Structure formats: structure tokens, C-alpha cells
Protein backbone atom coordinates (compact mmCIF):
# COMPACT_ATOMS: atom_id res chain seq x y z
CA MET A 1 16.91 -0.22 22.39
CA LYS A 2 13.00 0.05 21.96
CA LEU A 3 12.15 1.46 18.58
CA LEU A 4 9.11 3.82 17.97
CA ALA A 5 6.58 2.27 15.64
CA PRO A 6 5.24 4.55 12.90
CA GLN A 7 1.82 5.78 13.44
CA PRO A 8 -1.32 6.11 11.28
CA PHE A 9 -1.70 9.74 9.94
CA THR A 10 -4.41 12.10 8.66
CA LEU A 11 -3.63 15.22 6.88
CA LYS A 12 -6.64 17.25 6.61
CA GLY A 13 -7.25 19.43 3.43
CA ASP A 14 -10.28 19.97 1.30
CA HIS A 15 -13.24 17.83 0.28
CA ARG A 16 -11.08 15.45 -1.91
CA ALA A 17 -9.84 12.60 0.31
CA VAL A 18 -7.23 9.89 -0.55
CA LEU A 19 -6.72 6.73 1.34
CA LEU A 20 -2.89 5.79 1.11
CA LEU A 21 -1.78 2.18 1.74
CA HIS A 22 1.61 0.94 2.73
CA GLY A 23 3.38 -2.24 1.84
CA PHE A 24 3.97 -5.65 3.42
CA THR A 25 6.67 -5.31 6.17
CA GLY A 26 6.49 -1.63 5.53
CA SER A 27 4.72 1.26 7.31
CA THR A 28 2.99 4.60 6.81
CA LYS A 29 6.55 5.88 6.16
CA ASP A 30 6.15 4.24 2.65
CA VAL A 31 3.45 6.83 1.65
CA LYS A 32 4.09 9.73 4.07
CA LYS A 33 6.05 11.99 1.73
CA LEU A 34 3.35 11.40 -0.90
CA GLY A 35 0.69 12.15 1.56
CA GLN A 36 2.37 15.38 2.40
CA PHE A 37 2.95 16.51 -1.28
CA LEU A 38 -0.79 15.90 -1.96
CA ASN A 39 -1.98 17.64 1.14
CA LYS A 40 0.07 20.62 0.11
CA GLN A 41 -2.00 20.77 -3.10
CA GLY A 42 -5.27 20.45 -0.97
CA TYR A 43 -6.01 16.80 -0.67
CA THR A 44 -7.05 15.21 2.65
CA CYS A 45 -4.87 11.98 3.07
CA HIS A 46 -5.37 9.40 5.67
CA ALA A 47 -2.92 6.41 6.05
CA PRO A 48 -3.81 3.41 8.27
CA MET A 49 -1.18 1.06 9.91
CA TYR A 50 -1.71 -2.59 9.47
CA ARG A 51 -1.59 -4.56 12.64
CA GLY A 52 1.74 -6.08 13.65
CA HIS A 53 3.63 -3.72 11.20
CA GLY A 54 6.27 -1.11 12.06
CA VAL A 55 7.62 -3.21 14.95
CA SER A 56 9.15 -6.75 14.96
CA ALA A 57 8.78 -9.34 12.26
CA GLU A 58 7.51 -11.68 14.79
CA GLU A 59 4.59 -9.41 15.35
CA ILE A 60 3.87 -9.34 11.56
CA LEU A 61 3.48 -13.09 11.79
CA LYS A 62 1.03 -13.03 14.64
CA TYR A 63 -1.69 -11.37 12.21
CA GLY A 64 -2.30 -11.87 8.40
CA ALA A 65 -4.17 -10.53 5.44
CA LYS A 66 -7.62 -10.72 6.97
CA TYR A 67 -6.63 -8.34 9.79
CA TRP A 68 -4.71 -5.93 7.52
CA TRP A 69 -7.79 -5.91 5.02
CA GLU A 70 -9.82 -4.91 8.09
CA ASP A 71 -7.34 -2.23 8.97
CA VAL A 72 -7.76 -0.94 5.30
CA THR A 73 -11.57 -0.93 5.40
CA ARG A 74 -11.36 0.89 8.75
CA GLY A 75 -9.32 3.51 7.11
CA TYR A 76 -11.93 3.99 4.34
CA HIS A 77 -14.72 4.12 6.60
CA HIS A 78 -12.73 6.48 8.93
CA LEU A 79 -12.64 8.99 6.16
CA LYS A 80 -16.32 8.57 5.59
CA GLU A 81 -16.98 9.04 9.16
CA LEU A 82 -15.02 12.38 9.05
CA GLY A 83 -17.56 13.51 6.41
CA TYR A 84 -15.66 12.94 3.29
CA GLN A 85 -17.98 11.64 0.63
CA GLU A 86 -15.43 11.47 -2.23
CA ILE A 87 -12.41 9.12 -1.66
CA ALA A 88 -9.71 8.03 -4.09
CA VAL A 89 -7.19 5.22 -3.11
CA ALA A 90 -3.59 4.79 -3.60
CA GLY A 91 -1.14 2.07 -2.42
CA ILE A 92 2.26 0.70 -2.88
CA SER A 93 3.26 -3.31 -3.09
CA LEU A 94 0.85 -5.02 -1.02
CA GLY A 95 -1.00 -1.71 -0.36
CA GLY A 96 -1.31 -1.71 -4.13
CA VAL A 97 -3.21 -4.83 -4.03
CA PHE A 98 -5.38 -3.65 -1.21
CA THR A 99 -5.85 -0.53 -3.48
CA LEU A 100 -7.30 -2.72 -6.26
CA LYS A 101 -9.43 -4.64 -3.71
CA VAL A 102 -10.88 -1.24 -2.45
CA GLY A 103 -11.50 -0.19 -6.06
CA ALA A 104 -13.41 -3.45 -6.70
CA GLU A 105 -15.41 -3.34 -3.57
CA PHE A 106 -16.03 0.15 -2.59
CA PRO A 107 -17.18 3.53 -4.35
CA VAL A 108 -14.04 5.33 -5.12
CA LYS A 109 -13.03 8.32 -7.45
CA GLY A 110 -9.88 6.65 -8.60
CA VAL A 111 -7.35 3.90 -8.10
CA VAL A 112 -3.58 4.38 -7.98
CA SER A 113 -1.89 0.92 -7.92
CA MET A 114 1.98 1.08 -7.47
CA CYS A 115 4.06 -2.08 -7.83
CA ALA A 116 1.52 -4.39 -6.77
CA PRO A 117 2.31 -8.12 -6.90
CA ILE A 118 -1.18 -9.38 -8.44
CA LYS A 119 0.50 -12.13 -10.30
CA ARG A 120 0.97 -13.74 -6.84
CA LYS A 121 4.12 -13.87 -4.59
CA SER A 122 5.33 -17.27 -3.36
CA LYS A 123 5.15 -17.92 0.44
CA GLU A 124 9.01 -18.44 0.33
CA GLY A 125 9.39 -15.08 -1.32
CA LEU A 126 7.12 -13.44 1.34
CA PHE A 127 9.29 -15.18 4.12
CA GLU A 128 12.56 -13.99 2.54
CA ARG A 129 11.23 -10.42 2.56
CA LEU A 130 10.13 -10.82 6.35
CA TYR A 131 13.65 -12.44 7.10
CA ASN A 132 15.55 -9.35 5.59
CA TYR A 133 13.40 -6.92 7.43
CA ALA A 134 13.89 -8.83 10.71
CA GLN A 135 17.78 -8.56 10.34
CA VAL A 136 17.57 -4.81 9.82
CA TYR A 137 15.05 -4.27 12.54
CA LYS A 138 17.12 -6.28 15.08
CA LYS A 139 20.34 -4.61 14.19
CA LEU A 140 18.59 -1.22 14.71
CA GLU A 141 17.50 -2.63 18.20
CA GLY A 142 21.19 -2.55 18.93
CA LYS A 143 21.23 -6.57 19.36
CA ASP A 144 24.57 -8.29 18.92
CA GLU A 145 25.09 -10.80 16.01
CA ASN A 146 24.68 -13.84 18.26
CA GLN A 147 21.31 -12.85 19.81
CA ILE A 148 20.02 -11.66 16.19
CA GLN A 149 20.88 -15.35 14.92
CA ILE A 150 19.18 -16.93 17.76
CA GLU A 151 15.92 -14.88 17.07
CA LEU A 152 16.24 -15.37 13.23
CA ASP A 153 16.46 -19.26 13.68
CA ALA A 154 13.39 -18.75 16.06
CA LEU A 155 11.65 -16.73 13.40
CA LYS A 156 11.99 -19.64 10.78
CA ALA A 157 10.39 -21.96 13.07
CA MET A 158 7.20 -19.74 13.61
CA PRO A 159 4.03 -20.64 11.93
CA ARG A 160 3.39 -18.99 8.42
CA GLN A 161 -0.27 -18.89 8.38
CA ALA A 162 -0.16 -15.22 7.84
CA LEU A 163 1.79 -15.49 4.69
CA ASP A 164 -0.53 -18.23 3.53
CA GLU A 165 -3.33 -15.60 3.95
CA VAL A 166 -1.37 -13.06 1.78
CA GLN A 167 -1.24 -15.40 -1.00
CA LYS A 168 -4.94 -16.26 -0.89
CA MET A 169 -5.84 -12.52 -0.64
CA ILE A 170 -3.67 -11.73 -3.75
CA GLN A 171 -5.28 -14.53 -5.93
CA HIS A 172 -8.92 -13.22 -4.68
CA THR A 173 -7.99 -9.72 -5.59
CA SER A 174 -6.61 -10.93 -8.95
CA ASP A 175 -10.09 -12.47 -9.86
CA GLU A 176 -11.82 -9.09 -8.70
CA ILE A 177 -9.91 -6.51 -10.58
CA GLU A 178 -12.14 -6.60 -13.63
CA GLU A 179 -14.78 -5.35 -11.35
CA ILE A 180 -12.94 -2.14 -11.28
CA HIS A 181 -14.67 0.81 -13.25
CA SER A 182 -13.20 3.76 -11.58
CA PRO A 183 -10.40 5.60 -13.49
CA THR A 184 -7.08 3.78 -12.64
CA LEU A 185 -3.42 4.67 -12.86
CA VAL A 186 -0.76 1.98 -12.81
CA LEU A 187 2.86 2.99 -11.61
CA GLN A 188 5.58 0.51 -11.94
CA GLY A 189 9.39 0.59 -11.44
CA LYS A 190 11.51 -0.77 -14.27
CA LEU A 191 14.30 -1.93 -11.82
CA ASP A 192 11.72 -3.97 -9.85
CA ASP A 193 11.45 -7.76 -9.55
CA SER A 194 10.06 -9.52 -12.54
CA LEU A 195 6.87 -10.45 -10.49
CA TYR A 196 5.91 -6.93 -10.09
CA GLN A 197 6.85 -5.96 -13.85
CA GLU A 198 4.67 -8.72 -15.00
CA SER A 199 1.89 -7.70 -12.76
CA ALA A 200 1.64 -4.10 -13.98
CA PRO A 201 0.46 -4.62 -17.43
CA TYR A 202 -1.72 -7.48 -16.40
CA ILE A 203 -3.56 -5.07 -13.91
CA TYR A 204 -3.74 -2.26 -16.65
CA GLU A 205 -5.35 -4.74 -19.10
CA THR A 206 -7.65 -6.27 -16.90
CA VAL A 207 -9.24 -3.43 -15.13
CA GLU A 208 -12.65 -2.30 -16.94
CA ALA A 209 -12.03 1.35 -16.38
CA ASP A 210 -12.64 3.52 -19.46
CA GLU A 211 -9.93 5.93 -18.17
CA LYS A 212 -6.81 4.07 -17.40
CA GLU A 213 -2.93 4.53 -17.69
CA ILE A 214 0.29 2.85 -17.11
CA ILE A 215 3.54 4.71 -16.27
CA TRP A 216 6.98 2.97 -15.97
CA TYR A 217 9.79 4.51 -14.11
CA GLN A 218 13.17 3.59 -15.82
CA ASN A 219 15.52 4.23 -12.66
CA SER A 220 13.19 2.97 -9.99
CA GLY A 221 12.96 -0.30 -8.05
CA HIS A 222 10.08 -1.50 -5.76
CA ILE A 223 9.07 1.28 -3.22
CA ILE A 224 8.90 4.02 -5.91
CA THR A 225 7.46 6.53 -3.25
CA LEU A 226 10.77 6.61 -1.69
CA GLY A 227 13.01 6.00 -4.68
CA LYS A 228 15.05 8.44 -6.70
CA GLU A 229 12.31 9.22 -9.06
CA ARG A 230 9.68 9.83 -6.18
CA GLU A 231 9.06 13.29 -7.17
CA LYS A 232 7.95 12.36 -10.74
CA VAL A 233 5.81 9.52 -9.16
CA PHE A 234 4.31 12.39 -6.82
CA GLU A 235 3.69 14.63 -9.85
CA ASP A 236 2.17 11.88 -11.97
CA THR A 237 -0.17 10.79 -8.90
CA LEU A 238 -1.14 14.40 -8.47
CA HIS A 239 -2.06 15.03 -12.02
CA PHE A 240 -4.15 11.82 -12.20
CA LEU A 241 -6.05 12.69 -9.11
CA ASP A 242 -6.59 16.44 -10.49
CA GLU A 243 -8.14 15.13 -13.47
CA LEU A 244 -10.75 13.10 -11.66
CA ASP A 245 -14.33 14.21 -11.78
CA TRP A 246 -14.55 15.75 -8.20
CA SER A 247 -17.64 17.56 -7.22
CA THR A 248 -17.08 21.19 -6.60
CA GLU A 249 -20.28 21.24 -4.47
CA ALA A 250 -19.19 18.49 -1.94
CA GLN A 251 -19.50 19.57 1.62
CA ILE A 252 -17.54 17.87 4.48
CA LEU A 253 -20.01 16.57 7.06
CA HIS A 254 -17.83 16.47 10.18
CA ALA A 255 -18.84 13.90 12.69
């Protein structure tokens, strides 16, 4: 059975724009409910899809962080081309890392980093995540156990340059985050793996923003935008965005 890949989305609202970024092996589904919530409160939300994501694990390995960062920057410039002059950025997991990179390298109104592995994730850990994703995806395709195992064994033999690139990008971003001066919100699930729990306070302490906050969710794991406390995550994100110094005079210059 051929599965339909999730798509990028743009939800148009007022002049306040938010770039939403999904995680590794994830898709725009990671941030779709958050985008819909923010859009109902007036925000314009755009979420790009990284190349190779939303389909098979084999496709993910054909690309890498360089391509995915290009997809992120295209998303930022897409909002600019649509005429949005004021942009905040929010992302989860690898999308949280990209969020910090955007905050360090581009003008943004605010930064919302959710469960970002800025303390680095081993290539083995990344591959385990990819392998687990592949198992689930192949079952959804309707393949039998024998065929799935054959394909999983072949996946193990594929080059892993894409995963090396992710590690390097995380390290580079870790070195950049002290360049972030925009208001920053760090969100973290208390039931997440230790790597992420160690990363959250590091991010909070290292960014140079005068306005910054860290919030922990006691009953949440990794993808907090889809977890049992997601409504609280949405409300906290909205409160942070509402408190930013958005211009009341901004005009949307439609291309």
C-alpha cells in the first residue's frame, strides 16, 4: 500500500508569522495541531517538510542536514516573500535545533525550542530512531514480516553520511546559540531521554536573550506537541508569542 506523504502547510492569519519546524523522522504532523491552534488566535503559520521525510527511511538516508537546513531557510524566506516582515520560529526535536540555528542566523521576533538535542546525539542513537521508524512505516505499507526484515537488513547496510551530517550540524548549532538575543522559550518533557533533559537547561543558560524562560512538562516525553500535555504546550507557546513586541503598524506586502 502506498502511503501519502505529509505536506508542507501555510495557514494565513495576520501579520505575525511563525515558522514551525518538525523533527528527525517526523513530518509536519509534529507541528500541525500547534499551527492550527496558533492560527485560530490570528497567527500566520508555515511549516516546511524536509526532503526525504514523511516517506520511507531509505529516502531519509539519501539526504542529510545540509538539505534539511536548506528546506528550513526556504521556509523562512517563503514567509518573507509572502510579505511577512515579523517572524518567530518554533520547532521540536531536530526542528528545535534548527529553530536555534534560525534564531542565531536570521532576524526573528522570538524563538521556541522544544526538546532539542543540542548536547549531541550519537550516530547510533539516530540510526536506532530511523530503524524504529522504518519498522512502523513498513508495517503501515502492509508488508509481511519476512519482507520487512529483508528491507531492514538492507537499511543497516546503507551509507550513513546523513547521520554524520546531523551530528556535525548539532555541534555547530551548539556553538552558535550564544548568538541568540531574541526572546527565547525552552520547552522540555520530563519523561524524555536524558540527552534532551540535559540539553534544555544548557540552551536556557547559553542563549544571550534578556527575556528567556524554561518550562518543564512533568507527564510528557519527547514529541510534546502530540503528547498528553499538548494543550498546555500550545497555551504556553501562545502566551510567549503574545508577549513579544510585535508591530501594530506592520503591513503584509503580498508578492
